[in-house]
Amino acid sequence: MNCLLCESPKTSAFAVKMNPACDYFHCVQCDLIFMDTNMRMLPEEEKIRYDLHQNQDSSGYRQFLQPLIHDIQNYSSKVSKPLSKLKILDYGCGPTAFLSKLLLEYSNDTINYDPFYFPDKHTLQATYDVITSTEVWEHFCNPRKEIARMAKLLKNFGLLAIMTASHPGVGPFHNWQYRRDMTHVVFFSEITMKWISDHFNFDLVKAQTPYWIFQKRA
């Protein structure tokens, strides 16, 4: 099977026997690991699982998101534009859109998009200073298409702020807790993120898993 991101035919199949057992592919070119497409959940099954992911307000979750907020604040200062004036899209915001609520405390009226919970595609016809996507990329069935869409929505020199855990390599992957969620179908590494930055005209300005910051080149 060709890689779902770089489309290289140089992928190797491997089976994870540990519960939950599942089949995966590893791309030699971009280091992506992805679930065998025949083993994915149906969209309606995914939705049931996502309904259980209620990211409620808590000090722990706020602390988890704070590095991303800090990066947006730094970007705001760098471009001499108040955070309240930045046009921000939260791509894959989930049912609670919690990041948007957090950014509202900084007077930013963040726009939300989520294919299940905020499916208004008019939001995908504008361009943005900042696009956030937290705990989302691991759910992408078509990562190449989704990332290309975000690249198109981002203004030149805009910020793409991602949160997803870097995979530890094929060997440790078998016992990696992050892959046990069966809605997690694609996994990136720093090598993968560097491939993304080169292919989609980004600079990778932060690579500290699970925090990844890209800036779009002109």
C-alpha atoms as a PDB file:
ATOM      1  CA  MET A   1       0.000   0.000   0.000  1.00  0.00           C
ATOM      2  CA  ASN A   2       1.291   3.468  -0.873  1.00  0.00           C
ATOM      3  CA  CYS A   3       1.929   5.911   1.953  1.00  0.00           C
ATOM      4  CA  LEU A   4      -1.131   7.990   2.860  1.00  0.00           C
ATOM      5  CA  LEU A   5       1.040  11.093   3.204  1.00  0.00           C
ATOM      6  CA  CYS A   6       3.954  11.101   0.758  1.00  0.00           C
ATOM      7  CA  GLU A   7       2.425   8.471  -1.574  1.00  0.00           C
ATOM      8  CA  SER A   8       5.640   6.479  -1.685  1.00  0.00           C
ATOM      9  CA  PRO A   9       5.265   2.776  -2.531  1.00  0.00           C
ATOM     10  CA  LYS A  10       8.116   2.050  -0.097  1.00  0.00           C
ATOM     11  CA  THR A  11       5.987   0.931   2.836  1.00  0.00           C
ATOM     12  CA  SER A  12       6.318  -2.192   4.939  1.00  0.00           C
ATOM     13  CA  ALA A  13       3.424  -3.970   6.607  1.00  0.00           C
ATOM     14  CA  PHE A  14       3.603  -5.115  10.214  1.00  0.00           C
ATOM     15  CA  ALA A  15       1.116  -6.649  12.621  1.00  0.00           C
ATOM     16  CA  VAL A  16       0.628  -5.682  16.245  1.00  0.00           C
ATOM     17  CA  LYS A  17      -0.469  -8.706  18.242  1.00  0.00           C
ATOM     18  CA  MET A  18      -0.884  -6.929  21.573  1.00  0.00           C
ATOM     19  CA  ASN A  19      -4.401  -5.904  22.536  1.00  0.00           C
ATOM     20  CA  PRO A  20      -5.916  -4.316  20.552  1.00  0.00           C
ATOM     21  CA  ALA A  21      -4.384  -6.304  17.706  1.00  0.00           C
ATOM     22  CA  CYS A  22      -4.197  -4.401  14.434  1.00  0.00           C
ATOM     23  CA  ASP A  23      -2.276  -4.205  11.151  1.00  0.00           C
ATOM     24  CA  TYR A  24      -0.181  -1.198  10.193  1.00  0.00           C
ATOM     25  CA  PHE A  25       2.185   0.103   7.524  1.00  0.00           C
ATOM     26  CA  HIS A  26       5.420   2.025   7.989  1.00  0.00           C
ATOM     27  CA  CYS A  27       6.675   4.374   5.291  1.00  0.00           C
ATOM     28  CA  VAL A  28      10.420   4.226   4.689  1.00  0.00           C
ATOM     29  CA  GLN A  29      10.439   7.626   2.973  1.00  0.00           C
ATOM     30  CA  CYS A  30       8.563   9.908   5.430  1.00  0.00           C
ATOM     31  CA  ASP A  31       8.441   7.660   8.529  1.00  0.00           C
ATOM     32  CA  LEU A  32       4.641   7.752   8.770  1.00  0.00           C
ATOM     33  CA  ILE A  33       2.936   4.822  10.476  1.00  0.00           C
ATOM     34  CA  PHE A  34      -0.673   4.224   9.508  1.00  0.00           C
ATOM     35  CA  MET A  35      -3.381   1.690  10.216  1.00  0.00           C
ATOM     36  CA  ASP A  36      -4.444  -0.733   7.496  1.00  0.00           C
ATOM     37  CA  THR A  37      -7.401   1.084   5.941  1.00  0.00           C
ATOM     38  CA  ASN A  38      -9.475  -2.111   6.047  1.00  0.00           C
ATOM     39  CA  MET A  39      -9.343  -2.092   9.854  1.00  0.00           C
ATOM     40  CA  ARG A  40     -10.624   1.423  10.498  1.00  0.00           C
ATOM     41  CA  MET A  41     -13.827   2.133  12.354  1.00  0.00           C
ATOM     42  CA  LEU A  42     -16.862   3.302  10.416  1.00  0.00           C
ATOM     43  CA  PRO A  43     -17.601   7.044  10.780  1.00  0.00           C
ATOM     44  CA  GLU A  44     -20.646   6.363  12.939  1.00  0.00           C
ATOM     45  CA  GLU A  45     -18.523   4.183  15.241  1.00  0.00           C
ATOM     46  CA  GLU A  46     -15.917   6.960  15.447  1.00  0.00           C
ATOM     47  CA  LYS A  47     -18.600   9.470  16.388  1.00  0.00           C
ATOM     48  CA  ILE A  48     -19.709   7.303  19.343  1.00  0.00           C
ATOM     49  CA  ARG A  49     -16.131   7.239  20.623  1.00  0.00           C
ATOM     50  CA  TYR A  50     -15.670  10.989  20.139  1.00  0.00           C
ATOM     51  CA  ASP A  51     -18.860  11.687  22.077  1.00  0.00           C
ATOM     52  CA  LEU A  52     -17.072  10.205  25.084  1.00  0.00           C
ATOM     53  CA  HIS A  53     -14.086  12.575  24.706  1.00  0.00           C
ATOM     54  CA  GLN A  54     -15.499  15.434  26.718  1.00  0.00           C
ATOM     55  CA  ASN A  55     -12.483  17.719  27.183  1.00  0.00           C
ATOM     56  CA  GLN A  56     -13.845  19.624  30.138  1.00  0.00           C
ATOM     57  CA  ASP A  57     -12.238  22.597  31.832  1.00  0.00           C
ATOM     58  CA  SER A  58      -9.619  21.475  34.341  1.00  0.00           C
ATOM     59  CA  SER A  59      -6.305  22.792  35.569  1.00  0.00           C
ATOM     60  CA  GLY A  60      -4.560  19.781  34.037  1.00  0.00           C
ATOM     61  CA  TYR A  61      -6.067  20.241  30.595  1.00  0.00           C
ATOM     62  CA  ARG A  62      -5.395  23.967  30.681  1.00  0.00           C
ATOM     63  CA  GLN A  63      -1.771  23.247  31.527  1.00  0.00           C
ATOM     64  CA  PHE A  64      -1.626  20.754  28.650  1.00  0.00           C
ATOM     65  CA  LEU A  65      -2.748  23.451  26.184  1.00  0.00           C
ATOM     66  CA  GLN A  66      -0.697  26.285  27.675  1.00  0.00           C
ATOM     67  CA  PRO A  67       2.468  25.764  25.587  1.00  0.00           C
ATOM     68  CA  LEU A  68       0.383  26.152  22.437  1.00  0.00           C
ATOM     69  CA  ILE A  69      -1.237  29.325  23.802  1.00  0.00           C
ATOM     70  CA  HIS A  70       2.224  30.625  24.640  1.00  0.00           C
ATOM     71  CA  ASP A  71       3.419  29.987  21.074  1.00  0.00           C
ATOM     72  CA  ILE A  72       0.444  31.906  19.691  1.00  0.00           C
ATOM     73  CA  GLN A  73       1.173  34.782  22.067  1.00  0.00           C
ATOM     74  CA  ASN A  74       4.793  34.858  20.898  1.00  0.00           C
ATOM     75  CA  TYR A  75       3.656  34.882  17.283  1.00  0.00           C
ATOM     76  CA  SER A  76       1.244  37.722  18.072  1.00  0.00           C
ATOM     77  CA  SER A  77       4.130  39.782  19.474  1.00  0.00           C
ATOM     78  CA  LYS A  78       6.403  38.908  16.567  1.00  0.00           C
ATOM     79  CA  VAL A  79       3.934  40.135  13.937  1.00  0.00           C
ATOM     80  CA  SER A  80       2.897  43.133  16.103  1.00  0.00           C
ATOM     81  CA  LYS A  81      -0.751  42.128  16.005  1.00  0.00           C
ATOM     82  CA  PRO A  82      -2.745  41.716  19.244  1.00  0.00           C
ATOM     83  CA  LEU A  83      -3.901  38.181  19.908  1.00  0.00           C
ATOM     84  CA  SER A  84      -7.461  39.501  19.966  1.00  0.00           C
ATOM     85  CA  LYS A  85      -7.037  40.626  16.334  1.00  0.00           C
ATOM     86  CA  LEU A  86      -5.585  37.388  14.985  1.00  0.00           C
ATOM     87  CA  LYS A  87      -7.958  35.398  12.819  1.00  0.00           C
ATOM     88  CA  ILE A  88      -7.726  31.889  14.275  1.00  0.00           C
ATOM     89  CA  LEU A  89      -9.317  28.641  13.110  1.00  0.00           C
ATOM     90  CA  ASP A  90      -9.457  25.610  15.404  1.00  0.00           C
ATOM     91  CA  TYR A  91      -9.485  22.720  12.923  1.00  0.00           C
ATOM     92  CA  GLY A  92     -11.035  19.633  14.506  1.00  0.00           C
ATOM     93  CA  CYS A  93     -12.234  21.413  17.637  1.00  0.00           C
ATOM     94  CA  GLY A  94     -14.314  18.510  18.986  1.00  0.00           C
ATOM     95  CA  PRO A  95     -17.666  18.702  20.776  1.00  0.00           C
ATOM     96  CA  THR A  96     -16.632  21.130  23.515  1.00  0.00           C
ATOM     97  CA  ALA A  97     -14.425  23.453  21.403  1.00  0.00           C
ATOM     98  CA  PHE A  98     -12.446  23.981  24.588  1.00  0.00           C
ATOM     99  CA  LEU A  99      -9.429  25.661  23.004  1.00  0.00           C
ATOM    100  CA  SER A 100     -11.719  28.332  21.575  1.00  0.00           C
ATOM    101  CA  LYS A 101     -13.164  28.946  25.038  1.00  0.00           C
ATOM    102  CA  LEU A 102      -9.647  29.274  26.387  1.00  0.00           C
ATOM    103  CA  LEU A 103      -8.631  31.725  23.655  1.00  0.00           C
ATOM    104  CA  LEU A 104     -11.754  33.753  24.361  1.00  0.00           C
ATOM    105  CA  GLU A 105     -10.174  34.557  27.721  1.00  0.00           C
ATOM    106  CA  TYR A 106      -7.561  36.385  25.647  1.00  0.00           C
ATOM    107  CA  SER A 107     -10.370  38.171  23.741  1.00  0.00           C
ATOM    108  CA  ASN A 108      -9.936  36.078  20.602  1.00  0.00           C
ATOM    109  CA  ASP A 109     -13.162  35.022  18.925  1.00  0.00           C
ATOM    110  CA  THR A 110     -11.778  31.786  17.467  1.00  0.00           C
ATOM    111  CA  ILE A 111     -13.638  30.112  14.589  1.00  0.00           C
ATOM    112  CA  ASN A 112     -14.377  26.405  14.971  1.00  0.00           C
ATOM    113  CA  TYR A 113     -14.449  23.622  12.403  1.00  0.00           C
ATOM    114  CA  ASP A 114     -15.068  19.942  13.032  1.00  0.00           C
ATOM    115  CA  PRO A 115     -16.546  17.453  10.524  1.00  0.00           C
ATOM    116  CA  PHE A 116     -18.757  15.925  13.236  1.00  0.00           C
ATOM    117  CA  TYR A 117     -19.609  18.818  15.571  1.00  0.00           C
ATOM    118  CA  PHE A 118     -19.010  22.104  13.719  1.00  0.00           C
ATOM    119  CA  PRO A 119     -19.361  21.052  10.065  1.00  0.00           C
ATOM    120  CA  ASP A 120     -20.041  24.494   8.538  1.00  0.00           C
ATOM    121  CA  LYS A 121     -17.794  24.445   5.465  1.00  0.00           C
ATOM    122  CA  HIS A 122     -18.102  28.201   5.021  1.00  0.00           C
ATOM    123  CA  THR A 123     -15.296  28.370   7.580  1.00  0.00           C
ATOM    124  CA  LEU A 124     -13.100  26.618   4.991  1.00  0.00           C
ATOM    125  CA  GLN A 125     -13.565  29.399   2.446  1.00  0.00           C
ATOM    126  CA  ALA A 126     -11.596  32.027   4.380  1.00  0.00           C
ATOM    127  CA  THR A 127      -7.907  32.402   5.218  1.00  0.00           C
ATOM    128  CA  TYR A 128      -6.404  32.599   8.689  1.00  0.00           C
ATOM    129  CA  ASP A 129      -3.444  34.034  10.580  1.00  0.00           C
ATOM    130  CA  VAL A 130      -3.307  30.964  12.823  1.00  0.00           C
ATOM    131  CA  ILE A 131      -4.709  27.454  12.502  1.00  0.00           C
ATOM    132  CA  THR A 132      -4.707  25.180  15.532  1.00  0.00           C
ATOM    133  CA  SER A 133      -5.291  21.441  15.444  1.00  0.00           C
ATOM    134  CA  THR A 134      -4.943  19.756  18.828  1.00  0.00           C
ATOM    135  CA  GLU A 135      -5.165  15.976  19.223  1.00  0.00           C
ATOM    136  CA  VAL A 136      -6.588  15.763  15.708  1.00  0.00           C
ATOM    137  CA  TRP A 137      -3.935  14.687  13.218  1.00  0.00           C
ATOM    138  CA  GLU A 138      -3.795  11.134  14.563  1.00  0.00           C
ATOM    139  CA  HIS A 139      -7.432  10.745  13.441  1.00  0.00           C
ATOM    140  CA  PHE A 140      -6.850  11.740   9.792  1.00  0.00           C
ATOM    141  CA  CYS A 141      -7.913   9.050   7.333  1.00  0.00           C
ATOM    142  CA  ASN A 142      -6.372  11.115   4.526  1.00  0.00           C
ATOM    143  CA  PRO A 143      -3.544  13.148   6.095  1.00  0.00           C
ATOM    144  CA  ARG A 144      -2.208  14.440   2.776  1.00  0.00           C
ATOM    145  CA  LYS A 145      -5.589  15.941   1.848  1.00  0.00           C
ATOM    146  CA  GLU A 146      -6.236  17.419   5.304  1.00  0.00           C
ATOM    147  CA  ILE A 147      -2.798  19.018   5.624  1.00  0.00           C
ATOM    148  CA  ALA A 148      -3.006  20.410   2.092  1.00  0.00           C
ATOM    149  CA  ARG A 149      -6.341  21.979   2.996  1.00  0.00           C
ATOM    150  CA  MET A 150      -4.893  23.624   6.098  1.00  0.00           C
ATOM    151  CA  ALA A 151      -1.920  24.898   4.095  1.00  0.00           C
ATOM    152  CA  LYS A 152      -4.337  26.513   1.644  1.00  0.00           C
ATOM    153  CA  LEU A 153      -6.357  28.123   4.452  1.00  0.00           C
ATOM    154  CA  LEU A 154      -3.280  29.631   6.086  1.00  0.00           C
ATOM    155  CA  LYS A 155      -2.053  33.087   5.124  1.00  0.00           C
ATOM    156  CA  ASN A 156       1.559  33.576   4.109  1.00  0.00           C
ATOM    157  CA  PHE A 157       3.734  33.675   7.247  1.00  0.00           C
ATOM    158  CA  GLY A 158       0.778  32.321   9.208  1.00  0.00           C
ATOM    159  CA  LEU A 159       1.159  29.832  12.053  1.00  0.00           C
ATOM    160  CA  LEU A 160       0.017  26.204  12.045  1.00  0.00           C
ATOM    161  CA  ALA A 161       0.001  24.945  15.641  1.00  0.00           C
ATOM    162  CA  ILE A 162      -0.369  21.179  16.056  1.00  0.00           C
ATOM    163  CA  MET A 163      -0.574  18.830  19.012  1.00  0.00           C
ATOM    164  CA  THR A 164      -0.031  15.121  18.367  1.00  0.00           C
ATOM    165  CA  ALA A 165       2.377  12.658  19.946  1.00  0.00           C
ATOM    166  CA  SER A 166       5.450  11.548  17.987  1.00  0.00           C
ATOM    167  CA  HIS A 167       5.574   7.796  17.427  1.00  0.00           C
ATOM    168  CA  PRO A 168       8.544   5.989  19.026  1.00  0.00           C
ATOM    169  CA  GLY A 169       9.466   3.805  16.028  1.00  0.00           C
ATOM    170  CA  VAL A 170       8.123   0.482  14.808  1.00  0.00           C
ATOM    171  CA  GLY A 171       9.603  -1.635  17.635  1.00  0.00           C
ATOM    172  CA  PRO A 172       8.267   0.324  20.633  1.00  0.00           C
ATOM    173  CA  PHE A 173       5.069   1.110  18.702  1.00  0.00           C
ATOM    174  CA  HIS A 174       3.631  -2.324  19.566  1.00  0.00           C
ATOM    175  CA  ASN A 175       3.390  -1.462  23.259  1.00  0.00           C
ATOM    176  CA  TRP A 176       2.754   2.279  22.841  1.00  0.00           C
ATOM    177  CA  GLN A 177      -0.285   3.453  24.769  1.00  0.00           C
ATOM    178  CA  TYR A 178      -1.163   6.148  22.220  1.00  0.00           C
ATOM    179  CA  ARG A 179      -1.895   3.652  19.464  1.00  0.00           C
ATOM    180  CA  ARG A 180      -4.380   1.722  21.638  1.00  0.00           C
ATOM    181  CA  ASP A 181      -7.168   4.174  20.819  1.00  0.00           C
ATOM    182  CA  MET A 182      -8.591   2.652  17.652  1.00  0.00           C
ATOM    183  CA  THR A 183      -9.679   6.063  16.363  1.00  0.00           C
ATOM    184  CA  HIS A 184      -5.944   6.864  16.122  1.00  0.00           C
ATOM    185  CA  VAL A 185      -5.132   5.746  12.591  1.00  0.00           C
ATOM    186  CA  VAL A 186      -2.018   7.693  11.586  1.00  0.00           C
ATOM    187  CA  PHE A 187       1.156   8.522  13.496  1.00  0.00           C
ATOM    188  CA  PHE A 188       3.901  11.049  12.814  1.00  0.00           C
ATOM    189  CA  SER A 189       7.511  11.497  13.899  1.00  0.00           C
ATOM    190  CA  GLU A 190       9.902  14.425  13.694  1.00  0.00           C
ATOM    191  CA  ILE A 191      11.121  12.994  10.383  1.00  0.00           C
ATOM    192  CA  THR A 192       7.522  13.022   9.145  1.00  0.00           C
ATOM    193  CA  MET A 193       7.009  16.591  10.299  1.00  0.00           C
ATOM    194  CA  LYS A 194      10.159  17.690   8.463  1.00  0.00           C
ATOM    195  CA  TRP A 195       8.856  16.010   5.315  1.00  0.00           C
ATOM    196  CA  ILE A 196       5.568  17.914   5.761  1.00  0.00           C
ATOM    197  CA  SER A 197       7.396  21.222   6.175  1.00  0.00           C
ATOM    198  CA  ASP A 198       9.382  20.674   2.978  1.00  0.00           C
ATOM    199  CA  HIS A 199       6.454  19.444   0.906  1.00  0.00           C
ATOM    200  CA  PHE A 200       3.844  21.978   2.006  1.00  0.00           C
ATOM    201  CA  ASN A 201       6.087  25.067   2.038  1.00  0.00           C
ATOM    202  CA  PHE A 202       6.391  25.439   5.814  1.00  0.00           C
ATOM    203  CA  ASP A 203       9.206  26.134   8.212  1.00  0.00           C
ATOM    204  CA  LEU A 204       9.123  23.768  11.177  1.00  0.00           C
ATOM    205  CA  VAL A 205       9.861  26.230  13.962  1.00  0.00           C
ATOM    206  CA  LYS A 206       9.070  23.983  16.928  1.00  0.00           C
ATOM    207  CA  ALA A 207       9.444  20.225  17.243  1.00  0.00           C
ATOM    208  CA  GLN A 208       8.873  19.241  20.862  1.00  0.00           C
ATOM    209  CA  THR A 209       6.376  16.393  20.847  1.00  0.00           C
ATOM    210  CA  PRO A 210       3.442  16.676  21.261  1.00  0.00           C
ATOM    211  CA  TYR A 211       3.823  20.333  20.206  1.00  0.00           C
ATOM    212  CA  TRP A 212       4.640  21.152  16.572  1.00  0.00           C
ATOM    213  CA  ILE A 213       4.654  24.663  15.133  1.00  0.00           C
ATOM    214  CA  PHE A 214       4.879  25.375  11.418  1.00  0.00           C
ATOM    215  CA  GLN A 215       5.086  28.784   9.742  1.00  0.00           C
ATOM    216  CA  LYS A 216       4.011  29.148   6.141  1.00  0.00           C
ATOM    217  CA  ARG A 217       6.550  30.556   3.744  1.00  0.00           C
ATOM    218  CA  ALA A 218       5.568  33.221   1.225  1.00  0.00           C
END
